[in-house]
């Protein structure tokens, strides 16, 4: 079995476990919500954001929330960011 196949199998098993647990907690999820969760888990935006302790600007937590919001905007085809 190639490394690619092994990674694919492991990712599939992880997704099955993740979605099962989420559905147990939140109820049935639609296809878009499953895609959203998969993209969030794959992108791991928190690991990509720089951390500037003690500097001026938004706290790190706010940056992660904003990044996840832009991912949601793309996945759910939300046309605008305003009201």
Foldseek 3Di string as FASTA:
>chain_A
DDPVVVVVVVVVVVLVVVQVVCCVVPNDDDPLVSVLVSCCVVPVVLVVDDADPPDDDDHSVVVVVVVSVVSSCVSVVPPDDDD
